Amino acid sequence: LGGVKGFLDHSIALSLKDTKSASARDGEVIVVTCDGSKVFSEVKINGSTQKYPQQQAEDFVKNLLQARAKFPACPA
């Protein structure tokens, strides 16, 4: 719970329209924007990289990609 509170206190907003891809690797969620920037990659809270159980990370990515599919693709 402490990690979640810390994450929420330091959250960022990202438009789904600006999301190019997302993946989960070893419990880490990695989101890539249309311009190629990695978001959430190596997010650190209290000096530790934030990781989740792999299945939860994969479920988050699956839901994010389903929501993202409702918008046009990134401009070429």
PDB file of N, CA and C in Angstrom:
ATOM      1  N   LEU A   1       0.826  -1.194   0.000  1.00  0.00           N
ATOM      2  CA  LEU A   1       0.000   0.000   0.000  1.00  0.00           C
ATOM      3  C   LEU A   1       0.866   1.252   0.000  1.00  0.00           C
ATOM      4  N   GLY A   2       1.953   1.237   0.731  1.00  0.00           N
ATOM      5  CA  GLY A   2       2.831   2.397   0.781  1.00  0.00           C
ATOM      6  C   GLY A   2       3.384   2.744  -0.592  1.00  0.00           C
ATOM      7  N   GLY A   3       3.731   1.726  -1.383  1.00  0.00           N
ATOM      8  CA  GLY A   3       4.235   1.957  -2.736  1.00  0.00           C
ATOM      9  C   GLY A   3       3.183   2.565  -3.633  1.00  0.00           C
ATOM     10  N   VAL A   4       1.946   2.109  -3.493  1.00  0.00           N
ATOM     11  CA  VAL A   4       0.859   2.636  -4.305  1.00  0.00           C
ATOM     12  C   VAL A   4       0.591   4.090  -3.946  1.00  0.00           C
ATOM     13  N   LYS A   5       0.564   4.396  -2.651  1.00  0.00           N
ATOM     14  CA  LYS A   5       0.351   5.784  -2.227  1.00  0.00           C
ATOM     15  C   LYS A   5       1.459   6.678  -2.772  1.00  0.00           C
ATOM     16  N   GLY A   6       2.687   6.226  -2.695  1.00  0.00           N
ATOM     17  CA  GLY A   6       3.801   6.997  -3.219  1.00  0.00           C
ATOM     18  C   GLY A   6       3.684   7.201  -4.714  1.00  0.00           C
ATOM     19  N   PHE A   7       3.261   6.168  -5.421  1.00  0.00           N
ATOM     20  CA  PHE A   7       3.100   6.262  -6.865  1.00  0.00           C
ATOM     21  C   PHE A   7       1.991   7.251  -7.203  1.00  0.00           C
ATOM     22  N   LEU A   8       0.878   7.180  -6.504  1.00  0.00           N
ATOM     23  CA  LEU A   8      -0.224   8.088  -6.771  1.00  0.00           C
ATOM     24  C   LEU A   8       0.149   9.523  -6.453  1.00  0.00           C
ATOM     25  N   ASP A   9       0.948   9.727  -5.443  1.00  0.00           N
ATOM     26  CA  ASP A   9       1.391  11.072  -5.102  1.00  0.00           C
ATOM     27  C   ASP A   9       2.312  11.657  -6.173  1.00  0.00           C
ATOM     28  N   HIS A  10       2.899  10.803  -6.982  1.00  0.00           N
ATOM     29  CA  HIS A  10       3.844  11.254  -7.998  1.00  0.00           C
ATOM     30  C   HIS A  10       3.418  10.782  -9.387  1.00  0.00           C
ATOM     31  N   SER A  11       2.150  10.689  -9.624  1.00  0.00           N
ATOM     32  CA  SER A  11       1.663  10.179 -10.898  1.00  0.00           C
ATOM     33  C   SER A  11       1.807  11.219 -12.004  1.00  0.00           C
ATOM     34  N   ILE A  12       1.696  10.747 -13.241  1.00  0.00           N
ATOM     35  CA  ILE A  12       1.726  11.634 -14.391  1.00  0.00           C
ATOM     36  C   ILE A  12       0.522  11.317 -15.263  1.00  0.00           C
ATOM     37  N   ALA A  13       0.182  12.242 -16.122  1.00  0.00           N
ATOM     38  CA  ALA A  13      -0.917  12.038 -17.054  1.00  0.00           C
ATOM     39  C   ALA A  13      -0.330  11.784 -18.439  1.00  0.00           C
ATOM     40  N   LEU A  14      -0.918  10.847 -19.151  1.00  0.00           N
ATOM     41  CA  LEU A  14      -0.477  10.528 -20.501  1.00  0.00           C
ATOM     42  C   LEU A  14      -1.711  10.291 -21.349  1.00  0.00           C
ATOM     43  N   SER A  15      -1.817  11.013 -22.435  1.00  0.00           N
ATOM     44  CA  SER A  15      -2.945  10.850 -23.344  1.00  0.00           C
ATOM     45  C   SER A  15      -2.864   9.499 -24.037  1.00  0.00           C
ATOM     46  N   LEU A  16      -3.984   8.806 -24.106  1.00  0.00           N
ATOM     47  CA  LEU A  16      -3.999   7.539 -24.838  1.00  0.00           C
ATOM     48  C   LEU A  16      -3.652   7.757 -26.305  1.00  0.00           C
ATOM     49  N   LYS A  17      -4.040   8.906 -26.859  1.00  0.00           N
ATOM     50  CA  LYS A  17      -3.734   9.214 -28.257  1.00  0.00           C
ATOM     51  C   LYS A  17      -2.235   9.322 -28.488  1.00  0.00           C
ATOM     52  N   ASP A  18      -1.474   9.654 -27.458  1.00  0.00           N
ATOM     53  CA  ASP A  18      -0.027   9.797 -27.576  1.00  0.00           C
ATOM     54  C   ASP A  18       0.723   8.516 -27.214  1.00  0.00           C
ATOM     55  N   THR A  19      -0.004   7.436 -26.995  1.00  0.00           N
ATOM     56  CA  THR A  19       0.603   6.157 -26.633  1.00  0.00           C
ATOM     57  C   THR A  19       0.798   5.313 -27.879  1.00  0.00           C
ATOM     58  N   LYS A  20       2.046   4.952 -28.153  1.00  0.00           N
ATOM     59  CA  LYS A  20       2.360   4.126 -29.324  1.00  0.00           C
ATOM     60  C   LYS A  20       2.298   2.641 -28.985  1.00  0.00           C
ATOM     61  N   SER A  21       2.878   2.269 -27.842  1.00  0.00           N
ATOM     62  CA  SER A  21       2.901   0.861 -27.445  1.00  0.00           C
ATOM     63  C   SER A  21       3.053   0.753 -25.935  1.00  0.00           C
ATOM     64  N   ALA A  22       2.820  -0.443 -25.445  1.00  0.00           N
ATOM     65  CA  ALA A  22       2.991  -0.721 -24.016  1.00  0.00           C
ATOM     66  C   ALA A  22       3.371  -2.183 -23.865  1.00  0.00           C
ATOM     67  N   SER A  23       4.180  -2.451 -22.846  1.00  0.00           N
ATOM     68  CA  SER A  23       4.576  -3.833 -22.579  1.00  0.00           C
ATOM     69  C   SER A  23       4.846  -3.995 -21.085  1.00  0.00           C
ATOM     70  N   ALA A  24       4.906  -5.248 -20.677  1.00  0.00           N
ATOM     71  CA  ALA A  24       5.234  -5.588 -19.289  1.00  0.00           C
ATOM     72  C   ALA A  24       6.405  -6.548 -19.329  1.00  0.00           C
ATOM     73  N   ARG A  25       7.461  -6.215 -18.575  1.00  0.00           N
ATOM     74  CA  ARG A  25       8.650  -7.063 -18.554  1.00  0.00           C
ATOM     75  C   ARG A  25       9.136  -7.182 -17.123  1.00  0.00           C
ATOM     76  N   ASP A  26       9.162  -8.378 -16.621  1.00  0.00           N
ATOM     77  CA  ASP A  26       9.622  -8.636 -15.251  1.00  0.00           C
ATOM     78  C   ASP A  26       8.890  -7.769 -14.226  1.00  0.00           C
ATOM     79  N   GLY A  27       7.585  -7.563 -14.443  1.00  0.00           N
ATOM     80  CA  GLY A  27       6.784  -6.793 -13.500  1.00  0.00           C
ATOM     81  C   GLY A  27       6.873  -5.293 -13.667  1.00  0.00           C
ATOM     82  N   GLU A  28       7.600  -4.844 -14.674  1.00  0.00           N
ATOM     83  CA  GLU A  28       7.727  -3.413 -14.942  1.00  0.00           C
ATOM     84  C   GLU A  28       6.869  -3.058 -16.152  1.00  0.00           C
ATOM     85  N   VAL A  29       6.065  -2.014 -16.030  1.00  0.00           N
ATOM     86  CA  VAL A  29       5.235  -1.538 -17.128  1.00  0.00           C
ATOM     87  C   VAL A  29       6.039  -0.501 -17.902  1.00  0.00           C
ATOM     88  N   ILE A  30       6.113  -0.687 -19.229  1.00  0.00           N
ATOM     89  CA  ILE A  30       6.828   0.243 -20.089  1.00  0.00           C
ATOM     90  C   ILE A  30       5.854   0.747 -21.149  1.00  0.00           C
ATOM     91  N   VAL A  31       5.649   2.056 -21.175  1.00  0.00           N
ATOM     92  CA  VAL A  31       4.776   2.688 -22.158  1.00  0.00           C
ATOM     93  C   VAL A  31       5.656   3.562 -23.038  1.00  0.00           C
ATOM     94  N   VAL A  32       5.451   3.459 -24.360  1.00  0.00           N
ATOM     95  CA  VAL A  32       6.218   4.257 -25.315  1.00  0.00           C
ATOM     96  C   VAL A  32       5.267   5.227 -26.004  1.00  0.00           C
ATOM     97  N   THR A  33       5.646   6.499 -26.034  1.00  0.00           N
ATOM     98  CA  THR A  33       4.823   7.526 -26.670  1.00  0.00           C
ATOM     99  C   THR A  33       5.075   7.549 -28.178  1.00  0.00           C
ATOM    100  N   CYS A  34       4.234   8.280 -28.889  1.00  0.00           N
ATOM    101  CA  CYS A  34       4.370   8.387 -30.343  1.00  0.00           C
ATOM    102  C   CYS A  34       5.726   8.943 -30.764  1.00  0.00           C
ATOM    103  N   ASP A  35       6.334   9.770 -29.926  1.00  0.00           N
ATOM    104  CA  ASP A  35       7.657  10.320 -30.274  1.00  0.00           C
ATOM    105  C   ASP A  35       8.805   9.419 -29.824  1.00  0.00           C
ATOM    106  N   GLY A  36       8.485   8.236 -29.287  1.00  0.00           N
ATOM    107  CA  GLY A  36       9.508   7.262 -28.908  1.00  0.00           C
ATOM    108  C   GLY A  36       9.995   7.348 -27.479  1.00  0.00           C
ATOM    109  N   SER A  37       9.462   8.281 -26.693  1.00  0.00           N
ATOM    110  CA  SER A  37       9.865   8.395 -25.286  1.00  0.00           C
ATOM    111  C   SER A  37       9.280   7.255 -24.463  1.00  0.00           C
ATOM    112  N   LYS A  38      10.074   6.730 -23.556  1.00  0.00           N
ATOM    113  CA  LYS A  38       9.589   5.690 -22.644  1.00  0.00           C
ATOM    114  C   LYS A  38       9.033   6.348 -21.393  1.00  0.00           C
ATOM    115  N   VAL A  39       7.826   5.951 -21.023  1.00  0.00           N
ATOM    116  CA  VAL A  39       7.158   6.474 -19.838  1.00  0.00           C
ATOM    117  C   VAL A  39       6.941   5.302 -18.895  1.00  0.00           C
ATOM    118  N   PHE A  40       7.117   5.509 -17.632  1.00  0.00           N
ATOM    119  CA  PHE A  40       6.968   4.504 -16.585  1.00  0.00           C
ATOM    120  C   PHE A  40       8.131   3.525 -16.546  1.00  0.00           C
ATOM    121  N   SER A  41       9.026   3.579 -17.496  1.00  0.00           N
ATOM    122  CA  SER A  41      10.174   2.686 -17.487  1.00  0.00           C
ATOM    123  C   SER A  41      11.109   3.101 -16.355  1.00  0.00           C
ATOM    124  N   GLU A  42      11.432   2.176 -15.503  1.00  0.00           N
ATOM    125  CA  GLU A  42      12.330   2.397 -14.368  1.00  0.00           C
ATOM    126  C   GLU A  42      11.836   3.497 -13.428  1.00  0.00           C
ATOM    127  N   VAL A  43      10.531   3.498 -13.151  1.00  0.00           N
ATOM    128  CA  VAL A  43       9.963   4.431 -12.180  1.00  0.00           C
ATOM    129  C   VAL A  43      10.504   4.057 -10.812  1.00  0.00           C
ATOM    130  N   LYS A  44      11.083   5.018 -10.133  1.00  0.00           N
ATOM    131  CA  LYS A  44      11.668   4.741  -8.819  1.00  0.00           C
ATOM    132  C   LYS A  44      10.860   5.430  -7.731  1.00  0.00           C
ATOM    133  N   ILE A  45      10.573   4.673  -6.681  1.00  0.00           N
ATOM    134  CA  ILE A  45       9.908   5.186  -5.488  1.00  0.00           C
ATOM    135  C   ILE A  45      10.794   4.817  -4.315  1.00  0.00           C
ATOM    136  N   ASN A  46      11.203   5.810  -3.570  1.00  0.00           N
ATOM    137  CA  ASN A  46      12.126   5.601  -2.448  1.00  0.00           C
ATOM    138  C   ASN A  46      13.380   4.847  -2.883  1.00  0.00           C
ATOM    139  N   GLY A  47      13.867   5.160  -4.086  1.00  0.00           N
ATOM    140  CA  GLY A  47      15.105   4.574  -4.571  1.00  0.00           C
ATOM    141  C   GLY A  47      14.987   3.195  -5.178  1.00  0.00           C
ATOM    142  N   SER A  48      13.787   2.604  -5.189  1.00  0.00           N
ATOM    143  CA  SER A  48      13.599   1.265  -5.750  1.00  0.00           C
ATOM    144  C   SER A  48      12.734   1.326  -7.009  1.00  0.00           C
ATOM    145  N   THR A  49      13.126   0.577  -8.035  1.00  0.00           N
ATOM    146  CA  THR A  49      12.325   0.520  -9.247  1.00  0.00           C
ATOM    147  C   THR A  49      10.985  -0.121  -8.920  1.00  0.00           C
ATOM    148  N   GLN A  50       9.904   0.549  -9.353  1.00  0.00           N
ATOM    149  CA  GLN A  50       8.556   0.069  -9.066  1.00  0.00           C
ATOM    150  C   GLN A  50       8.229  -1.121  -9.958  1.00  0.00           C
ATOM    151  N   LYS A  51       7.932  -2.234  -9.349  1.00  0.00           N
ATOM    152  CA  LYS A  51       7.551  -3.447 -10.083  1.00  0.00           C
ATOM    153  C   LYS A  51       6.265  -3.989  -9.501  1.00  0.00           C
ATOM    154  N   TYR A  52       5.565  -4.741 -10.301  1.00  0.00           N
ATOM    155  CA  TYR A  52       4.290  -5.332  -9.915  1.00  0.00           C
ATOM    156  C   TYR A  52       4.353  -6.827 -10.203  1.00  0.00           C
ATOM    157  N   PRO A  53       3.446  -7.603  -9.625  1.00  0.00           N
ATOM    158  CA  PRO A  53       3.375  -9.006 -10.046  1.00  0.00           C
ATOM    159  C   PRO A  53       3.176  -9.041 -11.570  1.00  0.00           C
ATOM    160  N   GLN A  54       3.882  -9.911 -12.252  1.00  0.00           N
ATOM    161  CA  GLN A  54       3.876  -9.928 -13.718  1.00  0.00           C
ATOM    162  C   GLN A  54       2.464  -9.991 -14.290  1.00  0.00           C
ATOM    163  N   GLN A  55       1.601 -10.789 -13.709  1.00  0.00           N
ATOM    164  CA  GLN A  55       0.240 -10.909 -14.247  1.00  0.00           C
ATOM    165  C   GLN A  55      -0.512  -9.586 -14.133  1.00  0.00           C
ATOM    166  N   GLN A  56      -0.334  -8.862 -13.037  1.00  0.00           N
ATOM    167  CA  GLN A  56      -0.990  -7.557 -12.894  1.00  0.00           C
ATOM    168  C   GLN A  56      -0.440  -6.563 -13.907  1.00  0.00           C
ATOM    169  N   ALA A  57       0.845  -6.589 -14.129  1.00  0.00           N
ATOM    170  CA  ALA A  57       1.460  -5.697 -15.123  1.00  0.00           C
ATOM    171  C   ALA A  57       0.920  -6.024 -16.517  1.00  0.00           C
ATOM    172  N   GLU A  58       0.812  -7.307 -16.839  1.00  0.00           N
ATOM    173  CA  GLU A  58       0.283  -7.717 -18.138  1.00  0.00           C
ATOM    174  C   GLU A  58      -1.186  -7.330 -18.290  1.00  0.00           C
ATOM    175  N   ASP A  59      -1.969  -7.472 -17.233  1.00  0.00           N
ATOM    176  CA  ASP A  59      -3.384  -7.079 -17.273  1.00  0.00           C
ATOM    177  C   ASP A  59      -3.513  -5.574 -17.496  1.00  0.00           C
ATOM    178  N   PHE A  60      -2.682  -4.783 -16.824  1.00  0.00           N
ATOM    179  CA  PHE A  60      -2.704  -3.335 -17.006  1.00  0.00           C
ATOM    180  C   PHE A  60      -2.399  -2.982 -18.461  1.00  0.00           C
ATOM    181  N   VAL A  61      -1.360  -3.593 -19.010  1.00  0.00           N
ATOM    182  CA  VAL A  61      -0.971  -3.329 -20.396  1.00  0.00           C
ATOM    183  C   VAL A  61      -2.087  -3.743 -21.346  1.00  0.00           C
ATOM    184  N   LYS A  62      -2.689  -4.885 -21.116  1.00  0.00           N
ATOM    185  CA  LYS A  62      -3.789  -5.355 -21.970  1.00  0.00           C
ATOM    186  C   LYS A  62      -4.940  -4.344 -21.960  1.00  0.00           C
ATOM    187  N   ASN A  63      -5.325  -3.875 -20.786  1.00  0.00           N
ATOM    188  CA  ASN A  63      -6.412  -2.903 -20.677  1.00  0.00           C
ATOM    189  C   ASN A  63      -6.033  -1.580 -21.327  1.00  0.00           C
ATOM    190  N   LEU A  64      -4.791  -1.139 -21.147  1.00  0.00           N
ATOM    191  CA  LEU A  64      -4.337   0.099 -21.759  1.00  0.00           C
ATOM    192  C   LEU A  64      -4.387  -0.005 -23.282  1.00  0.00           C
ATOM    193  N   LEU A  65      -3.911  -1.118 -23.829  1.00  0.00           N
ATOM    194  CA  LEU A  65      -3.900  -1.281 -25.279  1.00  0.00           C
ATOM    195  C   LEU A  65      -5.313  -1.397 -25.847  1.00  0.00           C
ATOM    196  N   GLN A  66      -6.233  -2.017 -25.102  1.00  0.00           N
ATOM    197  CA  GLN A  66      -7.620  -2.084 -25.559  1.00  0.00           C
ATOM    198  C   GLN A  66      -8.233  -0.686 -25.615  1.00  0.00           C
ATOM    199  N   ALA A  67      -7.963   0.121 -24.602  1.00  0.00           N
ATOM    200  CA  ALA A  67      -8.475   1.495 -24.588  1.00  0.00           C
ATOM    201  C   ALA A  67      -7.812   2.313 -25.695  1.00  0.00           C
ATOM    202  N   ARG A  68      -6.517   2.109 -25.922  1.00  0.00           N
ATOM    203  CA  ARG A  68      -5.769   2.840 -26.945  1.00  0.00           C
ATOM    204  C   ARG A  68      -6.289   2.534 -28.343  1.00  0.00           C
ATOM    205  N   ALA A  69      -6.783   1.330 -28.580  1.00  0.00           N
ATOM    206  CA  ALA A  69      -7.245   0.901 -29.909  1.00  0.00           C
ATOM    207  C   ALA A  69      -8.445   1.725 -30.394  1.00  0.00           C
ATOM    208  N   LYS A  70      -9.093   2.449 -29.508  1.00  0.00           N
ATOM    209  CA  LYS A  70     -10.259   3.250 -29.883  1.00  0.00           C
ATOM    210  C   LYS A  70      -9.871   4.560 -30.561  1.00  0.00           C
ATOM    211  N   PHE A  71      -8.579   4.888 -30.583  1.00  0.00           N
ATOM    212  CA  PHE A  71      -8.103   6.147 -31.132  1.00  0.00           C
ATOM    213  C   PHE A  71      -7.284   5.887 -32.393  1.00  0.00           C
ATOM    214  N   PRO A  72      -7.144   6.930 -33.231  1.00  0.00           N
ATOM    215  CA  PRO A  72      -6.299   6.768 -34.434  1.00  0.00           C
ATOM    216  C   PRO A  72      -4.852   6.453 -34.054  1.00  0.00           C
ATOM    217  N   ALA A  73      -4.155   5.792 -34.967  1.00  0.00           N
ATOM    218  CA  ALA A  73      -2.749   5.460 -34.739  1.00  0.00           C
ATOM    219  C   ALA A  73      -1.914   6.724 -34.667  1.00  0.00           C
ATOM    220  N   CYS A  74      -0.720   6.595 -34.124  1.00  0.00           N
ATOM    221  CA  CYS A  74       0.209   7.720 -34.066  1.00  0.00           C
ATOM    222  C   CYS A  74       0.470   8.212 -35.482  1.00  0.00           C
ATOM    223  N   PRO A  75       0.615   9.547 -35.654  1.00  0.00           N
ATOM    224  CA  PRO A  75       0.924  10.058 -36.987  1.00  0.00           C
ATOM    225  C   PRO A  75       2.293   9.562 -37.449  1.00  0.00           C
ATOM    226  N   ALA A  76       2.391   9.328 -38.722  1.00  0.00           N
ATOM    227  CA  ALA A  76       3.656   8.797 -39.281  1.00  0.00           C
ATOM    228  C   ALA A  76       4.702   9.873 -39.427  1.00  0.00           C
TER     229      ALA A  76
END
